[in-house]
Amino acid sequence: MAFRDPVTQLPSKALFMDRLSQALALARRQRTKTAVIHLDLLAPDALRDDPDLLRALAQRLQPILRASDTVARLDGHDFSVLLIDVDSRKAAQAVQEELVLAASKPLTVNGRELRFDTRAGLALFPDDAADEAALLRVATPERQQPAA
């Protein structure tokens, strides 16, 4: 089983899920919060899975996170972020906003400047969900409620 995505060298889905399981076990024991942020790259179909674009995006996202956090490429053009020991929803939302801003800035790939949008979703443990599958489901951007 591969623990790294072959294109981006980020953790694979299997490694992300293992880290998420460990993070939730620790959060339960220490009564802390853990967040999952899901990023969906909205690019033209021809570019969504472009290896150079995905690598450039991965390099842009990693510096935003703490060493204890994880960003992984789960499928195609979808990335998920695990934030361990989060102080509050507001703190997790601030990281989410930074990630979306970074992902939405133009990227130059193979001499072409590319612009695209990114949808994001956020789920907080234990507030929004109590297990790994539910956290990922709630963090799916389509499931997010618009701000009131």
N, C-alpha and C. Protein backbone atom coordinates (compact mmCIF):
# COMPACT_ATOMS: atom_id res chain seq x y z
N MET A 1 0.85 -1.18 0.00
CA MET A 1 0.00 0.00 0.00
C MET A 1 0.90 1.24 0.00
N ALA A 2 0.61 2.14 -0.90
CA ALA A 2 1.41 3.37 -1.01
C ALA A 2 0.95 4.39 0.04
N PHE A 3 1.93 4.99 0.70
CA PHE A 3 1.62 6.00 1.71
C PHE A 3 1.80 7.41 1.18
N ARG A 4 2.27 7.54 -0.05
CA ARG A 4 2.46 8.85 -0.68
C ARG A 4 1.76 8.85 -2.03
N ASP A 5 1.15 9.98 -2.34
CA ASP A 5 0.56 10.16 -3.66
C ASP A 5 1.70 10.25 -4.67
N PRO A 6 1.67 9.46 -5.74
CA PRO A 6 2.79 9.46 -6.68
C PRO A 6 3.00 10.77 -7.43
N VAL A 7 1.97 11.59 -7.57
CA VAL A 7 2.08 12.85 -8.30
C VAL A 7 2.60 13.97 -7.41
N THR A 8 1.97 14.15 -6.25
CA THR A 8 2.30 15.30 -5.38
C THR A 8 3.28 14.98 -4.27
N GLN A 9 3.47 13.71 -4.00
CA GLN A 9 4.27 13.24 -2.86
C GLN A 9 3.65 13.60 -1.51
N LEU A 10 2.40 14.03 -1.51
CA LEU A 10 1.66 14.26 -0.28
C LEU A 10 1.23 12.90 0.28
N PRO A 11 0.80 12.86 1.53
CA PRO A 11 0.26 11.61 2.06
C PRO A 11 -0.89 11.11 1.18
N SER A 12 -0.97 9.79 1.06
CA SER A 12 -2.05 9.16 0.30
C SER A 12 -3.33 9.16 1.12
N LYS A 13 -4.41 8.73 0.51
CA LYS A 13 -5.69 8.63 1.21
C LYS A 13 -5.55 7.65 2.39
N ALA A 14 -4.86 6.54 2.19
CA ALA A 14 -4.69 5.55 3.26
C ALA A 14 -3.95 6.15 4.45
N LEU A 15 -2.88 6.89 4.19
CA LEU A 15 -2.12 7.51 5.27
C LEU A 15 -2.95 8.61 5.94
N PHE A 16 -3.68 9.39 5.16
CA PHE A 16 -4.54 10.43 5.73
C PHE A 16 -5.57 9.81 6.67
N MET A 17 -6.21 8.72 6.23
CA MET A 17 -7.23 8.07 7.06
C MET A 17 -6.62 7.52 8.35
N ASP A 18 -5.41 6.99 8.27
CA ASP A 18 -4.74 6.50 9.48
C ASP A 18 -4.45 7.66 10.43
N ARG A 19 -3.95 8.76 9.90
CA ARG A 19 -3.67 9.93 10.75
C ARG A 19 -4.95 10.50 11.34
N LEU A 20 -6.03 10.49 10.57
CA LEU A 20 -7.31 10.98 11.06
C LEU A 20 -7.81 10.09 12.22
N SER A 21 -7.69 8.79 12.07
CA SER A 21 -8.10 7.87 13.14
C SER A 21 -7.29 8.13 14.41
N GLN A 22 -6.00 8.30 14.25
CA GLN A 22 -5.15 8.57 15.41
C GLN A 22 -5.49 9.92 16.05
N ALA A 23 -5.74 10.92 15.21
CA ALA A 23 -6.07 12.26 15.71
C ALA A 23 -7.38 12.24 16.51
N LEU A 24 -8.37 11.49 16.03
CA LEU A 24 -9.64 11.43 16.74
C LEU A 24 -9.50 10.67 18.06
N ALA A 25 -8.70 9.62 18.06
CA ALA A 25 -8.46 8.90 19.32
C ALA A 25 -7.80 9.82 20.34
N LEU A 26 -6.83 10.59 19.90
CA LEU A 26 -6.14 11.53 20.80
C LEU A 26 -7.10 12.64 21.26
N ALA A 27 -7.91 13.15 20.35
CA ALA A 27 -8.86 14.21 20.69
C ALA A 27 -9.90 13.72 21.71
N ARG A 28 -10.33 12.48 21.55
CA ARG A 28 -11.27 11.92 22.53
C ARG A 28 -10.62 11.84 23.91
N ARG A 29 -9.40 11.35 23.93
CA ARG A 29 -8.69 11.16 25.19
C ARG A 29 -8.40 12.50 25.87
N GLN A 30 -7.99 13.49 25.07
CA GLN A 30 -7.59 14.78 25.64
C GLN A 30 -8.72 15.81 25.63
N ARG A 31 -9.86 15.43 25.09
CA ARG A 31 -11.02 16.32 25.00
C ARG A 31 -10.68 17.62 24.26
N THR A 32 -10.07 17.44 23.08
CA THR A 32 -9.72 18.57 22.23
C THR A 32 -10.50 18.48 20.92
N LYS A 33 -10.34 19.47 20.09
CA LYS A 33 -11.02 19.51 18.80
C LYS A 33 -10.03 19.19 17.66
N THR A 34 -10.55 18.55 16.64
CA THR A 34 -9.81 18.24 15.43
C THR A 34 -10.67 18.69 14.26
N ALA A 35 -10.05 19.23 13.23
CA ALA A 35 -10.81 19.71 12.07
C ALA A 35 -10.36 19.02 10.80
N VAL A 36 -11.31 18.85 9.90
CA VAL A 36 -11.03 18.38 8.54
C VAL A 36 -11.51 19.45 7.59
N ILE A 37 -10.63 19.85 6.69
CA ILE A 37 -10.98 20.81 5.64
C ILE A 37 -10.84 20.08 4.32
N HIS A 38 -11.86 20.17 3.50
CA HIS A 38 -11.82 19.53 2.18
C HIS A 38 -11.77 20.63 1.12
N LEU A 39 -10.83 20.51 0.21
CA LEU A 39 -10.67 21.48 -0.88
C LEU A 39 -10.96 20.79 -2.21
N ASP A 40 -11.81 21.41 -3.00
CA ASP A 40 -12.17 20.89 -4.32
C ASP A 40 -11.74 21.93 -5.34
N LEU A 41 -10.79 21.55 -6.18
CA LEU A 41 -10.25 22.43 -7.21
C LEU A 41 -11.24 22.55 -8.36
N LEU A 42 -11.68 23.78 -8.64
CA LEU A 42 -12.63 24.02 -9.72
C LEU A 42 -11.85 24.55 -10.92
N ALA A 43 -11.37 23.64 -11.73
CA ALA A 43 -10.59 23.99 -12.91
C ALA A 43 -11.23 23.31 -14.11
N PRO A 44 -10.94 23.78 -15.31
CA PRO A 44 -11.45 23.09 -16.50
C PRO A 44 -11.04 21.62 -16.46
N ASP A 45 -11.92 20.75 -16.96
CA ASP A 45 -11.65 19.32 -16.90
C ASP A 45 -10.28 18.95 -17.44
N ALA A 46 -9.82 19.62 -18.47
CA ALA A 46 -8.53 19.30 -19.07
C ALA A 46 -7.37 19.58 -18.12
N LEU A 47 -7.57 20.45 -17.14
CA LEU A 47 -6.49 20.82 -16.23
C LEU A 47 -6.60 20.19 -14.85
N ARG A 48 -7.77 19.74 -14.46
CA ARG A 48 -8.01 19.28 -13.09
C ARG A 48 -6.99 18.27 -12.60
N ASP A 49 -6.60 17.36 -13.44
CA ASP A 49 -5.69 16.30 -13.02
C ASP A 49 -4.30 16.47 -13.61
N ASP A 50 -3.98 17.69 -14.05
CA ASP A 50 -2.65 17.97 -14.60
C ASP A 50 -1.60 17.80 -13.50
N PRO A 51 -0.62 16.91 -13.68
CA PRO A 51 0.36 16.66 -12.62
C PRO A 51 1.12 17.91 -12.18
N ASP A 52 1.50 18.76 -13.11
CA ASP A 52 2.25 19.97 -12.75
C ASP A 52 1.39 20.92 -11.92
N LEU A 53 0.12 21.04 -12.27
CA LEU A 53 -0.81 21.88 -11.51
C LEU A 53 -1.00 21.33 -10.10
N LEU A 54 -1.19 20.03 -9.99
CA LEU A 54 -1.39 19.41 -8.68
C LEU A 54 -0.15 19.55 -7.80
N ARG A 55 1.03 19.38 -8.37
CA ARG A 55 2.27 19.55 -7.61
C ARG A 55 2.42 20.99 -7.14
N ALA A 56 2.15 21.94 -8.02
CA ALA A 56 2.27 23.36 -7.66
C ALA A 56 1.29 23.72 -6.56
N LEU A 57 0.09 23.19 -6.64
CA LEU A 57 -0.91 23.46 -5.61
C LEU A 57 -0.48 22.85 -4.27
N ALA A 58 0.02 21.64 -4.30
CA ALA A 58 0.49 20.99 -3.07
C ALA A 58 1.60 21.81 -2.41
N GLN A 59 2.52 22.32 -3.21
CA GLN A 59 3.63 23.12 -2.67
C GLN A 59 3.12 24.43 -2.08
N ARG A 60 2.03 24.93 -2.59
CA ARG A 60 1.47 26.18 -2.10
C ARG A 60 0.70 25.98 -0.78
N LEU A 61 0.11 24.83 -0.60
CA LEU A 61 -0.71 24.58 0.59
C LEU A 61 0.11 24.22 1.82
N GLN A 62 1.15 23.44 1.64
CA GLN A 62 1.91 22.92 2.77
C GLN A 62 2.45 23.99 3.72
N PRO A 63 3.01 25.10 3.25
CA PRO A 63 3.57 26.09 4.19
C PRO A 63 2.55 26.75 5.10
N ILE A 64 1.28 26.66 4.76
CA ILE A 64 0.24 27.28 5.57
C ILE A 64 0.00 26.50 6.86
N LEU A 65 0.31 25.22 6.83
CA LEU A 65 -0.02 24.33 7.94
C LEU A 65 1.12 24.17 8.93
N ARG A 66 0.73 23.78 10.15
CA ARG A 66 1.72 23.45 11.17
C ARG A 66 2.32 22.08 10.84
N ALA A 67 3.46 21.78 11.43
CA ALA A 67 4.12 20.49 11.19
C ALA A 67 3.23 19.33 11.63
N SER A 68 2.39 19.52 12.62
CA SER A 68 1.53 18.45 13.12
C SER A 68 0.28 18.22 12.26
N ASP A 69 0.00 19.12 11.34
CA ASP A 69 -1.17 19.00 10.47
C ASP A 69 -0.80 18.20 9.23
N THR A 70 -1.82 17.76 8.49
CA THR A 70 -1.60 16.94 7.30
C THR A 70 -2.44 17.46 6.15
N VAL A 71 -1.83 17.61 4.98
CA VAL A 71 -2.58 17.84 3.76
C VAL A 71 -2.32 16.63 2.86
N ALA A 72 -3.39 16.11 2.28
CA ALA A 72 -3.29 14.92 1.45
C ALA A 72 -4.11 15.10 0.19
N ARG A 73 -3.66 14.47 -0.86
CA ARG A 73 -4.46 14.41 -2.09
C ARG A 73 -5.25 13.12 -2.02
N LEU A 74 -6.57 13.25 -1.88
CA LEU A 74 -7.39 12.06 -1.72
C LEU A 74 -7.77 11.43 -3.05
N ASP A 75 -8.27 12.23 -3.96
CA ASP A 75 -8.69 11.73 -5.27
C ASP A 75 -8.56 12.86 -6.28
N GLY A 76 -8.07 12.55 -7.44
CA GLY A 76 -8.03 13.52 -8.53
C GLY A 76 -7.60 14.90 -8.12
N HIS A 77 -8.54 15.83 -8.08
CA HIS A 77 -8.27 17.24 -7.78
C HIS A 77 -8.79 17.64 -6.40
N ASP A 78 -9.02 16.65 -5.54
CA ASP A 78 -9.50 16.90 -4.18
C ASP A 78 -8.38 16.74 -3.17
N PHE A 79 -8.30 17.70 -2.27
CA PHE A 79 -7.32 17.66 -1.19
C PHE A 79 -8.06 17.73 0.13
N SER A 80 -7.54 17.06 1.14
CA SER A 80 -8.10 17.18 2.49
C SER A 80 -6.99 17.55 3.45
N VAL A 81 -7.37 18.31 4.45
CA VAL A 81 -6.43 18.81 5.45
C VAL A 81 -6.93 18.36 6.82
N LEU A 82 -6.01 17.89 7.63
CA LEU A 82 -6.30 17.50 9.00
C LEU A 82 -5.60 18.47 9.93
N LEU A 83 -6.38 19.14 10.76
CA LEU A 83 -5.84 20.07 11.75
C LEU A 83 -6.03 19.45 13.13
N ILE A 84 -4.93 19.20 13.80
CA ILE A 84 -4.97 18.56 15.11
C ILE A 84 -4.96 19.62 16.21
N ASP A 85 -5.69 19.35 17.28
CA ASP A 85 -5.70 20.22 18.45
C ASP A 85 -6.05 21.67 18.08
N VAL A 86 -7.25 21.82 17.53
CA VAL A 86 -7.74 23.12 17.09
C VAL A 86 -8.41 23.82 18.27
N ASP A 87 -8.13 25.09 18.44
CA ASP A 87 -8.70 25.86 19.56
C ASP A 87 -10.20 26.08 19.42
N SER A 88 -10.63 26.37 18.18
CA SER A 88 -12.04 26.73 17.98
C SER A 88 -12.40 26.63 16.50
N ARG A 89 -13.69 26.71 16.23
CA ARG A 89 -14.15 26.73 14.83
C ARG A 89 -13.57 27.95 14.11
N LYS A 90 -13.51 29.08 14.82
CA LYS A 90 -12.99 30.30 14.23
C LYS A 90 -11.53 30.11 13.79
N ALA A 91 -10.74 29.43 14.59
CA ALA A 91 -9.33 29.16 14.23
C ALA A 91 -9.26 28.26 13.00
N ALA A 92 -10.11 27.24 12.95
CA ALA A 92 -10.12 26.34 11.80
C ALA A 92 -10.59 27.08 10.54
N GLN A 93 -11.58 27.95 10.70
CA GLN A 93 -12.06 28.73 9.56
C GLN A 93 -10.99 29.67 9.02
N ALA A 94 -10.16 30.21 9.91
CA ALA A 94 -9.08 31.09 9.47
C ALA A 94 -8.08 30.32 8.60
N VAL A 95 -7.77 29.08 8.99
CA VAL A 95 -6.87 28.25 8.18
C VAL A 95 -7.55 27.91 6.86
N GLN A 96 -8.83 27.58 6.91
CA GLN A 96 -9.57 27.28 5.69
C GLN A 96 -9.52 28.46 4.71
N GLU A 97 -9.73 29.65 5.22
CA GLU A 97 -9.69 30.84 4.36
C GLU A 97 -8.31 31.04 3.75
N GLU A 98 -7.26 30.82 4.54
CA GLU A 98 -5.90 30.93 4.01
C GLU A 98 -5.64 29.92 2.91
N LEU A 99 -6.10 28.69 3.11
CA LEU A 99 -5.91 27.64 2.11
C LEU A 99 -6.65 27.97 0.81
N VAL A 100 -7.89 28.44 0.94
CA VAL A 100 -8.67 28.79 -0.25
C VAL A 100 -8.02 29.96 -0.99
N LEU A 101 -7.57 30.95 -0.25
CA LEU A 101 -6.90 32.10 -0.86
C LEU A 101 -5.64 31.65 -1.61
N ALA A 102 -4.84 30.82 -0.96
CA ALA A 102 -3.60 30.33 -1.59
C ALA A 102 -3.91 29.50 -2.82
N ALA A 103 -4.92 28.64 -2.73
CA ALA A 103 -5.25 27.77 -3.86
C ALA A 103 -5.87 28.54 -5.02
N SER A 104 -6.50 29.67 -4.73
CA SER A 104 -7.18 30.44 -5.77
C SER A 104 -6.29 31.45 -6.48
N LYS A 105 -5.09 31.68 -5.96
CA LYS A 105 -4.17 32.60 -6.64
C LYS A 105 -3.71 31.98 -7.95
N PRO A 106 -3.45 32.80 -8.96
CA PRO A 106 -2.98 32.25 -10.23
C PRO A 106 -1.71 31.43 -10.06
N LEU A 107 -1.63 30.36 -10.82
CA LEU A 107 -0.45 29.49 -10.84
C LEU A 107 0.13 29.50 -12.23
N THR A 108 1.43 29.54 -12.32
CA THR A 108 2.07 29.42 -13.63
C THR A 108 2.57 27.99 -13.77
N VAL A 109 2.00 27.30 -14.75
CA VAL A 109 2.33 25.90 -14.99
C VAL A 109 2.70 25.75 -16.46
N ASN A 110 3.90 25.26 -16.70
CA ASN A 110 4.39 25.08 -18.07
C ASN A 110 4.25 26.35 -18.90
N GLY A 111 4.58 27.48 -18.29
CA GLY A 111 4.56 28.76 -18.99
C GLY A 111 3.18 29.36 -19.14
N ARG A 112 2.16 28.72 -18.63
CA ARG A 112 0.79 29.24 -18.73
C ARG A 112 0.31 29.68 -17.35
N GLU A 113 -0.29 30.86 -17.29
CA GLU A 113 -0.89 31.31 -16.04
C GLU A 113 -2.30 30.76 -15.96
N LEU A 114 -2.56 30.02 -14.89
CA LEU A 114 -3.86 29.39 -14.72
C LEU A 114 -4.59 30.01 -13.54
N ARG A 115 -5.87 30.26 -13.74
CA ARG A 115 -6.73 30.80 -12.68
C ARG A 115 -7.91 29.86 -12.51
N PHE A 116 -8.26 29.60 -11.29
CA PHE A 116 -9.40 28.75 -11.00
C PHE A 116 -9.88 29.03 -9.59
N ASP A 117 -11.05 28.54 -9.29
CA ASP A 117 -11.62 28.70 -7.95
C ASP A 117 -11.47 27.41 -7.18
N THR A 118 -11.65 27.51 -5.89
CA THR A 118 -11.60 26.36 -5.01
C THR A 118 -12.79 26.41 -4.07
N ARG A 119 -13.52 25.31 -3.98
CA ARG A 119 -14.58 25.19 -2.98
C ARG A 119 -13.98 24.51 -1.76
N ALA A 120 -14.48 24.88 -0.59
CA ALA A 120 -13.96 24.28 0.63
C ALA A 120 -15.08 23.97 1.59
N GLY A 121 -14.87 22.93 2.36
CA GLY A 121 -15.79 22.56 3.42
C GLY A 121 -15.01 22.27 4.68
N LEU A 122 -15.66 22.43 5.82
CA LEU A 122 -15.01 22.28 7.12
C LEU A 122 -15.90 21.46 8.04
N ALA A 123 -15.29 20.55 8.78
CA ALA A 123 -16.00 19.80 9.81
C ALA A 123 -15.11 19.73 11.04
N LEU A 124 -15.73 19.89 12.20
CA LEU A 124 -15.00 19.92 13.46
C LEU A 124 -15.44 18.75 14.33
N PHE A 125 -14.46 18.04 14.86
CA PHE A 125 -14.73 16.98 15.83
C PHE A 125 -14.56 17.55 17.23
N PRO A 126 -15.43 17.34 18.14
CA PRO A 126 -16.62 16.48 18.11
C PRO A 126 -17.91 17.23 17.75
N ASP A 127 -17.82 18.51 17.44
CA ASP A 127 -19.01 19.35 17.24
C ASP A 127 -19.90 18.89 16.08
N ASP A 128 -19.28 18.56 14.94
CA ASP A 128 -20.04 18.26 13.72
C ASP A 128 -20.22 16.78 13.45
N ALA A 129 -19.31 15.97 13.94
CA ALA A 129 -19.35 14.54 13.66
C ALA A 129 -18.49 13.81 14.68
N ALA A 130 -18.79 12.52 14.86
CA ALA A 130 -18.11 11.74 15.90
C ALA A 130 -17.15 10.69 15.36
N ASP A 131 -17.09 10.52 14.03
CA ASP A 131 -16.16 9.53 13.49
C ASP A 131 -15.58 10.01 12.16
N GLU A 132 -14.63 9.24 11.65
CA GLU A 132 -13.88 9.63 10.46
C GLU A 132 -14.78 9.82 9.24
N ALA A 133 -15.62 8.83 8.97
CA ALA A 133 -16.47 8.89 7.77
C ALA A 133 -17.43 10.08 7.84
N ALA A 134 -18.00 10.29 9.00
CA ALA A 134 -18.94 11.41 9.15
C ALA A 134 -18.23 12.75 9.01
N LEU A 135 -17.02 12.87 9.56
CA LEU A 135 -16.27 14.12 9.41
C LEU A 135 -15.99 14.43 7.95
N LEU A 136 -15.56 13.42 7.20
CA LEU A 136 -15.29 13.63 5.78
C LEU A 136 -16.56 13.99 5.02
N ARG A 137 -17.65 13.36 5.37
CA ARG A 137 -18.92 13.65 4.71
C ARG A 137 -19.36 15.09 4.99
N VAL A 138 -19.29 15.51 6.24
CA VAL A 138 -19.70 16.87 6.61
C VAL A 138 -18.78 17.91 5.97
N ALA A 139 -17.50 17.60 5.82
CA ALA A 139 -16.54 18.55 5.26
C ALA A 139 -16.66 18.70 3.74
N THR A 140 -17.45 17.87 3.10
CA THR A 140 -17.64 17.97 1.65
C THR A 140 -18.27 19.32 1.33
N PRO A 141 -17.65 20.09 0.43
CA PRO A 141 -18.16 21.45 0.16
C PRO A 141 -19.64 21.52 -0.19
N GLU A 142 -20.16 20.54 -0.90
CA GLU A 142 -21.58 20.57 -1.29
C GLU A 142 -22.49 20.50 -0.08
N ARG A 143 -22.01 19.97 1.03
CA ARG A 143 -22.83 19.80 2.23
C ARG A 143 -22.78 21.02 3.15
N GLN A 144 -21.95 21.98 2.84
CA GLN A 144 -21.79 23.15 3.70
C GLN A 144 -23.00 24.07 3.59
N GLN A 145 -23.38 24.63 4.70
CA GLN A 145 -24.49 25.58 4.74
C GLN A 145 -23.94 26.99 4.49
N PRO A 146 -24.63 27.79 3.70
CA PRO A 146 -24.18 29.17 3.50
C PRO A 146 -24.21 29.94 4.81
N ALA A 147 -23.29 30.87 4.94
CA ALA A 147 -23.24 31.70 6.16
C ALA A 147 -24.49 32.55 6.24
N ALA A 148 -25.05 32.67 7.43
CA ALA A 148 -26.28 33.45 7.62
C ALA A 148 -25.96 34.91 7.78
